[in-house]
Protein backbone atom coordinates (compact mmCIF):
# COMPACT_ATOMS: atom_id res chain seq x y z
CA UNK A 1 88.73 102.44 96.02
CA UNK A 2 87.34 101.88 92.60
CA UNK A 3 89.90 104.19 90.83
CA UNK A 4 92.88 102.09 92.20
CA UNK A 5 93.87 99.28 89.96
CA UNK A 6 94.65 95.97 91.48
CA UNK A 7 98.54 96.22 90.96
CA UNK A 8 98.65 99.66 92.74
CA UNK A 9 96.87 98.22 95.64
CA UNK A 10 99.42 95.35 95.66
CA UNK A 11 102.29 97.80 96.10
CA UNK A 12 100.72 99.49 98.91
CA UNK A 13 99.83 96.25 100.56
CA UNK A 14 103.64 95.22 100.16
CA UNK A 15 104.63 98.40 102.15
CA UNK A 16 101.82 97.95 104.76
CA UNK A 17 100.25 101.17 103.76
CA UNK A 18 96.51 101.73 104.62
CA UNK A 19 94.55 103.66 101.97
CA UNK A 20 92.05 106.20 103.61
CA UNK A 21 90.79 107.91 100.40
CA UNK A 22 91.42 108.39 96.81
CA UNK A 23 90.50 110.89 94.06
CA UNK A 24 91.18 111.35 90.40
CA UNK A 25 92.61 114.58 89.39
CA UNK A 26 94.21 115.43 85.86
CA UNK A 27 95.47 112.02 84.65
CA UNK A 28 96.45 111.13 88.46
CA UNK A 29 95.18 109.41 91.44
CA UNK A 30 95.85 111.34 94.91
CA UNK A 31 95.68 108.75 97.55
CA UNK A 32 95.53 109.85 101.13
CA UNK A 33 97.23 106.96 103.35
CA UNK A 34 98.24 106.26 106.69
CA UNK A 35 101.66 107.30 105.37
CA UNK A 36 100.96 110.54 103.79
CA UNK A 37 99.47 111.66 100.47
CA UNK A 38 100.67 109.65 97.43
CA UNK A 39 100.37 110.75 93.98
CA UNK A 40 99.85 108.02 91.51
CA UNK A 41 100.16 108.75 87.66
CA UNK A 42 97.81 106.98 85.39
CA UNK A 43 99.24 105.27 82.17
CA UNK A 44 97.77 105.73 78.82
CA UNK A 45 97.79 103.14 76.13
CA UNK A 46 101.07 104.05 74.74
CA UNK A 47 102.81 104.13 77.97
CA UNK A 48 101.17 100.75 79.01
CA UNK A 49 102.18 99.18 75.66
CA UNK A 50 105.91 100.19 75.91
CA UNK A 51 106.01 98.93 79.75
CA UNK A 52 104.50 95.63 78.74
CA UNK A 53 107.02 95.23 75.96
CA UNK A 54 109.75 95.96 78.23
CA UNK A 55 108.68 93.68 80.90
CA UNK A 56 108.40 90.93 78.43
CA UNK A 57 111.89 91.76 77.27
CA UNK A 58 111.08 91.98 73.82
CA UNK A 59 112.47 94.69 71.27
CA UNK A 60 110.15 96.84 69.13
CA UNK A 61 111.03 94.57 66.27
CA UNK A 62 110.37 91.36 68.06
CA UNK A 63 106.92 92.44 69.11
CA UNK A 64 105.84 94.03 65.76
CA UNK A 65 106.61 90.85 64.16
CA UNK A 66 104.68 88.98 66.79
CA UNK A 67 101.88 91.29 66.26
CA UNK A 68 101.78 91.25 62.50
CA UNK A 69 102.53 95.16 62.17
CA UNK A 70 105.33 97.12 60.88
CA UNK A 71 108.20 98.18 63.45
CA UNK A 72 107.25 102.03 62.34
CA UNK A 73 103.48 101.24 63.42
CA UNK A 74 104.54 100.03 66.88
CA UNK A 75 106.77 102.88 67.40
CA UNK A 76 103.92 105.34 66.54
CA UNK A 77 101.90 103.33 69.14
CA UNK A 78 104.29 103.66 71.67
CA UNK A 79 104.84 107.57 70.98
CA UNK A 80 100.88 107.89 71.05
CA UNK A 81 100.69 108.92 67.40
CA UNK A 82 98.34 106.22 66.50
CA UNK A 83 95.62 103.75 67.95
């Protein structure tokens, strides 16, 4: 189960789903389980950044200010234009 992240395992545990095997293919994880086959999408940096910002309930302007960068730079990070 090395390819599955801890939070993904927590979701499966929450629904009492037994994972039989996993494999990575083209930016996703195919997960064979007791309830059938699941496809879990892997997130890239820009998707993770945006999700974390939204989870923290911050606007792009607020996060950019806290990070000491411009709002435009943060927008580019979230769009995957700059790393």
